[in-house]
Amino acid sequence: MNHFYKRFLLPVGLLSGAIIGAGVFALPFIFQKVGLITGFFYLFIGGALYAFLHLLYADTILNTPGDHRFVGYARIYLGLFAGRVATLITIAGMVFTLTVYLVLSISFSNLIFSGAPLMKLFLFWTVASCAIFFNIKKLAFSEFVITLAKLLIVGLLFVLGIQAFFKESVAVQFPTDLRMLLFPLAPILFAMSGRVAIPTLVKYFRISHDAHDYPAMRRAIMWGTALPILVYALFVFGILGLSPEVSEDAVTGLSLSLAPSLLTLVGLLGLLSLWGSYIAVGVDAIASLSYDFRISRAIRSALVVGLPLAFYLVGFTSFLGLVGFVGGVFLGLEGIFILSMWIRAHKKGEGLLLKNVHPLAVVSGFILLVAALIYESFMFLL
């Protein structure tokens, strides 16, 4: 049992806890807009794509000597210019992602207690920023516990909402507006991304003396990526059943139809999701600044802690806009870099975690990521 806990439950909780975050709250609104068939189609495609990307990234880490992060691997395998582009992706993506969490922290705090919005913002920001500096074992344990709490709350929302869901008139067909066909892609990429937790997961196996237990690592990555799909499906069914008017963040509509106790549960789910993901993103950002840029601890801590708050205070407050932009542009580019790095690191198409990768899988990954990048860039320009 101890073996199963350390080699499966903890790493699965670490990865799935990093994935299940702010993106889940965009899904009910998206599913309502495009229909259930389209929504679930993209959810399963996004899950398969990120299971693939997570395995490729872990494989690249395992095959590269030394300690690096995303920018370092890009520099090693793709060259100095690519490393500079990866630097921009890492820093900007981190800032905007953490800003998304800050945007939602006020909404979900409103469901639990009253007070000035900025007071709630500073409270969440302070607690989450301090938790970033947990050590690796504490981080793994905390993510596991948080994931269990999320599953319990999502399960309750599903039970409460599933009966009403079948009574509601929810679209199940494909959208008639062709421009909406790519609308779910970037937000779902945002919801399924767990790249920031992969270096931590690999390091966890290394410090647990299981660095060469590739089957266990592969299972942890596959299940850690698959579990959020089930959680997201339950959440979508529950919210669509409970809320006749679904808002972009799945909160406003619920406040009109749920009892205070249920609103508190939704608020707790939101804050737990934000807190766990905020930690994972912050840890990876600090590690990247440390290993790849060699800047002082004070400066990298100030950047990771201070920039998201500054961006929020200057006006970056649109939830769905930020989710789509980060998912399509920054995560799209990030995925393209991961595919390219793995190709350069494994010219024969064979790795430690994946054997004999078919070229069609790589090409399909490129197509999805480029489609999201082009769509969200176009929407941003509009």
Protein backbone atom coordinates (compact mmCIF):
# COMPACT_ATOMS: atom_id res chain seq x y z
CA MET A 1 0.00 0.00 0.00
CA ASN A 2 2.84 2.40 0.82
CA HIS A 3 4.41 1.58 -2.55
CA PHE A 4 1.11 2.34 -4.36
CA TYR A 5 0.73 5.60 -2.43
CA LYS A 6 4.25 6.86 -3.17
CA ARG A 7 4.60 5.72 -6.78
CA PHE A 8 1.06 6.30 -7.99
CA LEU A 9 -1.30 8.31 -5.78
CA LEU A 10 1.12 11.09 -4.84
CA PRO A 11 2.47 11.78 -8.35
CA VAL A 12 -1.01 11.48 -9.89
CA GLY A 13 -2.28 13.96 -7.31
CA LEU A 14 0.64 16.27 -8.02
CA LEU A 15 -0.06 16.42 -11.76
CA SER A 16 -3.85 16.39 -11.68
CA GLY A 17 -3.84 18.97 -8.91
CA ALA A 18 -1.77 21.28 -11.11
CA ILE A 19 -4.05 20.72 -14.10
CA ILE A 20 -7.39 21.17 -12.32
CA GLY A 21 -7.41 24.90 -11.86
CA ALA A 22 -8.99 28.06 -13.16
CA GLY A 23 -9.77 26.55 -16.56
CA VAL A 24 -12.51 24.34 -15.16
CA PHE A 25 -14.68 27.38 -14.51
CA ALA A 26 -14.69 28.41 -18.17
CA LEU A 27 -15.98 25.02 -19.35
CA PRO A 28 -19.71 25.20 -18.44
CA PHE A 29 -20.09 28.49 -20.32
CA ILE A 30 -18.21 27.10 -23.33
CA PHE A 31 -20.21 23.86 -23.36
CA GLN A 32 -23.45 25.82 -23.21
CA LYS A 33 -22.36 27.98 -26.16
CA VAL A 34 -21.09 25.26 -28.52
CA GLY A 35 -23.16 22.26 -27.38
CA LEU A 36 -22.23 19.14 -25.46
CA ILE A 37 -21.02 17.14 -28.46
CA THR A 38 -18.55 19.79 -29.53
CA GLY A 39 -17.52 20.52 -25.95
CA PHE A 40 -16.75 16.92 -25.06
CA PHE A 41 -15.08 16.32 -28.42
CA TYR A 42 -12.61 19.09 -27.69
CA LEU A 43 -12.20 18.02 -24.06
CA PHE A 44 -11.13 14.50 -25.05
CA ILE A 45 -8.92 15.80 -27.88
CA GLY A 46 -7.30 18.28 -25.47
CA GLY A 47 -6.76 15.55 -22.88
CA ALA A 48 -5.14 13.21 -25.41
CA LEU A 49 -2.94 16.01 -26.73
CA TYR A 50 -1.71 16.97 -23.27
CA ALA A 51 -1.12 13.39 -22.16
CA PHE A 52 1.12 13.15 -25.22
CA LEU A 53 2.86 16.48 -24.55
CA HIS A 54 3.40 15.68 -20.86
CA LEU A 55 5.05 12.36 -21.74
CA LEU A 56 7.25 14.00 -24.38
CA TYR A 57 8.34 16.73 -22.00
CA ALA A 58 9.13 14.24 -19.22
CA ASP A 59 11.05 12.14 -21.75
CA THR A 60 13.09 15.18 -22.77
CA ILE A 61 13.89 15.93 -19.12
CA LEU A 62 14.99 12.35 -18.46
CA ASN A 63 17.29 12.33 -21.49
CA THR A 64 18.98 15.66 -20.75
CA PRO A 65 21.86 15.88 -18.23
CA GLY A 66 21.68 18.58 -15.58
CA ASP A 67 18.86 20.62 -14.10
CA HIS A 68 16.94 22.87 -16.50
CA ARG A 69 13.45 24.12 -17.13
CA PHE A 70 11.49 24.94 -20.26
CA VAL A 71 13.78 27.75 -21.43
CA GLY A 72 16.92 25.71 -20.84
CA TYR A 73 15.66 22.73 -22.86
CA ALA A 74 14.62 25.04 -25.71
CA ARG A 75 18.10 26.58 -25.74
CA ILE A 76 19.82 23.18 -25.69
CA TYR A 77 17.78 21.56 -28.47
CA LEU A 78 16.54 24.47 -30.60
CA GLY A 79 19.26 27.09 -30.29
CA LEU A 80 19.85 30.49 -28.72
CA PHE A 81 17.10 32.35 -30.60
CA ALA A 82 14.53 29.71 -29.67
CA GLY A 83 15.71 30.01 -26.09
CA ARG A 84 15.00 33.73 -26.16
CA VAL A 85 11.51 33.14 -27.57
CA ALA A 86 10.94 30.50 -24.90
CA THR A 87 11.98 33.07 -22.32
CA LEU A 88 9.21 35.38 -23.49
CA ILE A 89 6.70 32.51 -23.52
CA THR A 90 7.65 31.41 -20.02
CA ILE A 91 7.59 34.83 -18.38
CA ALA A 92 4.53 36.23 -20.17
CA GLY A 93 2.59 32.98 -19.89
CA MET A 94 3.36 32.72 -16.19
CA VAL A 95 2.30 36.30 -15.50
CA PHE A 96 -0.97 36.06 -17.40
CA THR A 97 -1.81 32.65 -15.93
CA LEU A 98 -1.29 33.83 -12.37
CA THR A 99 -3.29 36.94 -13.23
CA VAL A 100 -6.20 34.68 -14.26
CA TYR A 101 -6.11 33.12 -10.79
CA LEU A 102 -6.16 36.53 -9.15
CA VAL A 103 -9.14 37.58 -11.29
CA LEU A 104 -11.11 34.56 -10.11
CA SER A 105 -10.02 34.77 -6.47
CA ILE A 106 -12.33 37.71 -5.83
CA SER A 107 -15.33 36.01 -7.48
CA PHE A 108 -14.99 32.86 -5.42
CA SER A 109 -14.13 34.68 -2.22
CA ASN A 110 -17.43 36.57 -2.63
CA LEU A 111 -19.27 33.26 -2.25
CA ILE A 112 -17.67 32.59 1.14
CA PHE A 113 -17.34 35.87 2.99
CA SER A 114 -18.02 39.56 2.58
CA GLY A 115 -15.52 42.37 2.44
CA ALA A 116 -13.78 44.74 0.07
CA PRO A 117 -12.67 43.12 -3.22
CA LEU A 118 -9.08 44.30 -2.88
CA MET A 119 -8.91 42.89 0.64
CA LYS A 120 -9.93 39.47 -0.71
CA LEU A 121 -7.45 39.80 -3.53
CA PHE A 122 -4.56 40.59 -1.20
CA LEU A 123 -5.53 37.76 1.16
CA PHE A 124 -5.47 35.15 -1.61
CA TRP A 125 -2.31 36.62 -3.13
CA THR A 126 -0.49 36.54 0.22
CA VAL A 127 -1.43 32.94 1.10
CA ALA A 128 -0.74 31.58 -2.40
CA SER A 129 2.56 33.44 -2.73
CA CYS A 130 3.83 32.08 0.59
CA ALA A 131 2.83 28.52 -0.38
CA ILE A 132 4.96 28.74 -3.53
CA PHE A 133 8.03 28.27 -1.35
CA PHE A 134 7.01 24.80 0.00
CA ASN A 135 9.61 22.09 -0.51
CA ILE A 136 9.05 19.31 -3.05
CA LYS A 137 7.66 16.66 -0.66
CA LYS A 138 5.27 19.09 1.02
CA LEU A 139 4.16 20.30 -2.41
CA ALA A 140 3.40 16.75 -3.58
CA PHE A 141 1.42 15.99 -0.43
CA SER A 142 -0.52 19.26 -0.51
CA GLU A 143 -1.47 18.77 -4.16
CA PHE A 144 -2.70 15.25 -3.39
CA VAL A 145 -4.88 16.44 -0.52
CA ILE A 146 -6.21 19.39 -2.53
CA THR A 147 -7.08 17.08 -5.44
CA LEU A 148 -9.09 14.83 -3.12
CA ALA A 149 -10.99 17.86 -1.80
CA LYS A 150 -11.76 19.00 -5.34
CA LEU A 151 -13.08 15.55 -6.27
CA LEU A 152 -15.39 15.49 -3.25
CA ILE A 153 -16.83 18.94 -3.98
CA VAL A 154 -17.22 18.29 -7.72
CA GLY A 155 -18.93 14.99 -6.92
CA LEU A 156 -21.41 16.78 -4.68
CA LEU A 157 -22.17 19.40 -7.35
CA PHE A 158 -22.67 16.60 -9.87
CA VAL A 159 -25.12 14.77 -7.61
CA LEU A 160 -27.06 17.96 -6.92
CA GLY A 161 -27.16 19.10 -10.52
CA ILE A 162 -27.44 15.95 -12.64
CA GLN A 163 -31.19 15.50 -12.14
CA ALA A 164 -31.92 19.11 -13.06
CA PHE A 165 -29.53 18.83 -16.00
CA PHE A 166 -31.83 16.41 -17.81
CA LYS A 167 -34.72 18.81 -17.32
CA GLU A 168 -32.84 21.77 -18.77
CA SER A 169 -32.75 22.55 -22.49
CA VAL A 170 -29.01 22.19 -23.10
CA ALA A 171 -27.70 22.17 -26.65
CA VAL A 172 -26.08 18.88 -27.65
CA GLN A 173 -25.58 19.44 -31.37
CA PHE A 174 -22.67 21.03 -33.17
CA PRO A 175 -22.86 24.83 -33.42
CA THR A 176 -24.32 26.17 -36.65
CA ASP A 177 -21.92 29.11 -36.65
CA LEU A 178 -18.68 27.73 -38.10
CA ARG A 179 -16.70 30.48 -36.38
CA MET A 180 -17.58 28.81 -33.07
CA LEU A 181 -16.00 25.48 -34.00
CA LEU A 182 -12.56 26.54 -32.75
CA PHE A 183 -13.90 28.63 -29.86
CA PRO A 184 -13.45 25.84 -27.24
CA LEU A 185 -9.94 24.78 -28.29
CA ALA A 186 -7.75 27.38 -26.56
CA PRO A 187 -9.70 27.46 -23.24
CA ILE A 188 -9.58 23.65 -23.10
CA LEU A 189 -5.84 23.71 -23.76
CA PHE A 190 -5.60 26.10 -20.82
CA ALA A 191 -7.73 23.77 -18.69
CA MET A 192 -5.67 20.65 -19.54
CA SER A 193 -2.15 22.06 -19.35
CA GLY A 194 0.06 20.60 -16.63
CA ARG A 195 3.51 21.17 -18.14
CA VAL A 196 4.59 23.22 -15.14
CA ALA A 197 4.23 20.16 -12.87
CA ILE A 198 6.22 17.73 -15.04
CA PRO A 199 9.72 18.78 -13.82
CA THR A 200 8.46 18.51 -10.25
CA LEU A 201 6.98 15.06 -10.93
CA VAL A 202 10.23 13.81 -12.49
CA LYS A 203 12.20 15.25 -9.57
CA TYR A 204 9.84 13.54 -7.14
CA PHE A 205 10.64 10.14 -8.69
CA ARG A 206 14.35 10.96 -8.64
CA ILE A 207 14.48 11.88 -4.96
CA SER A 208 12.35 8.83 -4.15
CA HIS A 209 15.00 6.61 -5.80
CA ASP A 210 12.57 5.65 -8.59
CA ALA A 211 14.21 7.61 -11.41
CA HIS A 212 14.37 4.52 -13.64
CA ASP A 213 10.87 3.24 -12.90
CA TYR A 214 9.62 4.40 -16.27
CA PRO A 215 6.38 2.37 -16.27
CA ALA A 216 5.36 3.95 -12.94
CA MET A 217 6.23 7.42 -14.20
CA ARG A 218 4.31 6.83 -17.42
CA ARG A 219 1.24 5.61 -15.52
CA ALA A 220 1.37 8.62 -13.20
CA ILE A 221 1.47 11.02 -16.15
CA MET A 222 -1.31 9.25 -18.07
CA TRP A 223 -3.65 8.98 -15.08
CA GLY A 224 -2.70 12.42 -13.80
CA THR A 225 -3.79 13.88 -17.16
CA ALA A 226 -6.89 11.68 -17.54
CA LEU A 227 -8.36 12.32 -14.09
CA PRO A 228 -9.11 16.01 -14.82
CA ILE A 229 -11.22 15.00 -17.85
CA LEU A 230 -13.59 13.08 -15.58
CA VAL A 231 -13.62 15.89 -13.03
CA TYR A 232 -14.37 18.46 -15.73
CA ALA A 233 -17.21 16.37 -17.18
CA LEU A 234 -18.86 16.03 -13.77
CA PHE A 235 -18.43 19.75 -13.13
CA VAL A 236 -20.01 20.68 -16.46
CA PHE A 237 -23.03 18.45 -15.88
CA GLY A 238 -23.45 19.74 -12.36
CA ILE A 239 -23.17 23.44 -13.20
CA LEU A 240 -25.41 23.22 -16.29
CA GLY A 241 -28.04 21.52 -14.16
CA LEU A 242 -27.79 23.86 -11.19
CA SER A 243 -27.52 27.17 -13.03
CA PRO A 244 -30.08 28.28 -15.65
CA GLU A 245 -27.82 31.20 -16.56
CA VAL A 246 -24.18 30.16 -16.82
CA SER A 247 -21.70 33.01 -16.54
CA GLU A 248 -18.22 33.03 -18.04
CA ASP A 249 -16.70 32.02 -14.70
CA ALA A 250 -19.57 29.68 -13.66
CA VAL A 251 -20.18 31.79 -10.55
CA THR A 252 -22.68 34.57 -11.20
CA GLY A 253 -25.46 32.27 -12.41
CA LEU A 254 -25.09 30.01 -9.40
CA SER A 255 -25.42 32.92 -7.01
CA LEU A 256 -28.96 33.41 -8.30
CA SER A 257 -30.13 29.84 -7.80
CA LEU A 258 -28.21 28.09 -4.98
CA ALA A 259 -28.50 28.12 -1.22
CA PRO A 260 -25.71 29.85 0.75
CA SER A 261 -24.21 26.52 1.84
CA LEU A 262 -23.87 25.35 -1.76
CA LEU A 263 -22.41 28.67 -2.80
CA THR A 264 -19.80 28.22 -0.08
CA LEU A 265 -18.89 24.82 -1.52
CA VAL A 266 -18.47 26.29 -4.99
CA GLY A 267 -16.34 29.05 -3.50
CA LEU A 268 -14.14 26.49 -1.74
CA LEU A 269 -13.72 24.52 -4.97
CA GLY A 270 -12.68 27.68 -6.74
CA LEU A 271 -10.18 28.78 -4.13
CA LEU A 272 -8.70 25.28 -3.75
CA SER A 273 -8.28 24.99 -7.51
CA LEU A 274 -6.71 28.41 -7.77
CA TRP A 275 -4.44 27.85 -4.78
CA GLY A 276 -3.09 24.50 -5.98
CA SER A 277 -2.47 25.71 -9.52
CA TYR A 278 -0.98 29.00 -8.33
CA ILE A 279 1.60 27.01 -6.34
CA ALA A 280 2.53 24.77 -9.29
CA VAL A 281 2.93 27.67 -11.72
CA GLY A 282 4.86 29.75 -9.19
CA VAL A 283 7.26 26.92 -8.32
CA ASP A 284 8.04 26.28 -11.97
CA ALA A 285 8.50 29.99 -12.68
CA ILE A 286 10.97 30.43 -9.81
CA ALA A 287 12.84 27.28 -10.83
CA SER A 288 13.10 28.51 -14.44
CA LEU A 289 14.44 31.89 -13.34
CA SER A 290 16.91 30.13 -11.05
CA TYR A 291 18.24 27.42 -13.35
CA ASP A 292 17.98 29.14 -16.71
CA PHE A 293 18.67 32.78 -15.89
CA ARG A 294 20.87 32.53 -12.78
CA ILE A 295 19.37 35.68 -11.26
CA SER A 296 19.29 36.32 -7.53
CA ARG A 297 16.63 34.80 -5.29
CA ALA A 298 15.31 38.21 -4.29
CA ILE A 299 14.76 39.32 -7.89
CA ARG A 300 13.16 36.10 -9.10
CA SER A 301 10.88 35.98 -6.06
CA ALA A 302 9.86 39.60 -6.60
CA LEU A 303 9.07 38.91 -10.27
CA VAL A 304 6.98 35.80 -9.63
CA VAL A 305 5.15 37.29 -6.66
CA GLY A 306 4.76 40.88 -7.81
CA LEU A 307 4.08 40.88 -11.55
CA PRO A 308 0.69 39.08 -11.50
CA LEU A 309 -0.61 41.49 -8.85
CA ALA A 310 0.67 44.46 -10.85
CA PHE A 311 -1.01 43.22 -14.03
CA TYR A 312 -4.32 42.84 -12.24
CA LEU A 313 -4.11 46.29 -10.70
CA VAL A 314 -3.48 47.94 -14.08
CA GLY A 315 -6.63 46.44 -15.58
CA PHE A 316 -6.17 42.85 -16.82
CA THR A 317 -9.47 41.55 -15.41
CA SER A 318 -11.29 39.67 -18.25
CA PHE A 319 -11.46 35.99 -17.28
CA LEU A 320 -12.48 34.30 -20.54
CA GLY A 321 -10.36 36.67 -22.61
CA LEU A 322 -7.27 35.84 -20.56
CA VAL A 323 -8.00 32.10 -20.58
CA GLY A 324 -8.36 31.99 -24.36
CA PHE A 325 -5.34 34.19 -24.97
CA VAL A 326 -3.05 32.20 -22.67
CA GLY A 327 -4.34 28.85 -23.94
CA GLY A 328 -4.08 29.68 -27.62
CA VAL A 329 -1.00 31.88 -27.82
CA PHE A 330 1.34 31.01 -24.96
CA LEU A 331 0.36 27.37 -24.43
CA GLY A 332 0.09 26.86 -28.18
CA LEU A 333 3.66 28.07 -28.64
CA GLU A 334 4.78 26.10 -25.60
CA GLY A 335 3.34 22.88 -27.02
CA ILE A 336 4.99 23.50 -30.39
CA PHE A 337 8.32 23.95 -28.61
CA ILE A 338 7.84 20.69 -26.63
CA LEU A 339 7.16 18.74 -29.83
CA SER A 340 10.16 20.32 -31.54
CA MET A 341 12.48 19.70 -28.59
CA TRP A 342 11.47 16.04 -28.35
CA ILE A 343 12.05 15.55 -32.09
CA ARG A 344 15.57 16.99 -31.78
CA ALA A 345 16.31 14.95 -28.65
CA HIS A 346 14.95 11.70 -30.12
CA LYS A 347 15.83 11.71 -33.80
CA LYS A 348 14.95 8.01 -34.11
CA GLY A 349 11.49 8.53 -32.65
CA GLU A 350 12.17 6.46 -29.54
CA GLY A 351 12.18 7.59 -25.92
CA LEU A 352 12.20 6.22 -22.40
CA LEU A 353 8.50 6.80 -21.74
CA LEU A 354 7.18 6.50 -25.30
CA LYS A 355 8.45 3.90 -27.76
CA ASN A 356 8.20 4.27 -31.53
CA VAL A 357 6.14 7.45 -31.67
CA HIS A 358 4.21 7.57 -34.94
CA PRO A 359 4.91 10.68 -37.05
CA LEU A 360 1.14 11.17 -37.49
CA ALA A 361 0.79 11.76 -33.75
CA VAL A 362 3.40 14.52 -33.87
CA VAL A 363 1.86 16.11 -36.98
CA SER A 364 -1.61 16.03 -35.40
CA GLY A 365 -0.25 17.74 -32.32
CA PHE A 366 1.32 20.48 -34.44
CA ILE A 367 -1.96 21.03 -36.33
CA LEU A 368 -4.05 21.43 -33.17
CA LEU A 369 -1.59 23.80 -31.52
CA VAL A 370 -1.13 25.94 -34.63
CA ALA A 371 -4.93 26.12 -35.09
CA ALA A 372 -5.37 27.40 -31.54
CA LEU A 373 -2.52 29.88 -31.96
CA ILE A 374 -3.90 31.31 -35.22
CA TYR A 375 -7.50 31.48 -33.97
CA GLU A 376 -6.70 33.25 -30.70
CA SER A 377 -4.23 35.62 -32.37
CA PHE A 378 -6.90 36.53 -34.89
CA MET A 379 -9.51 37.06 -32.15
CA PHE A 380 -7.04 39.21 -30.21
CA LEU A 381 -6.43 41.41 -33.24
CA LEU A 382 -10.18 41.80 -33.74
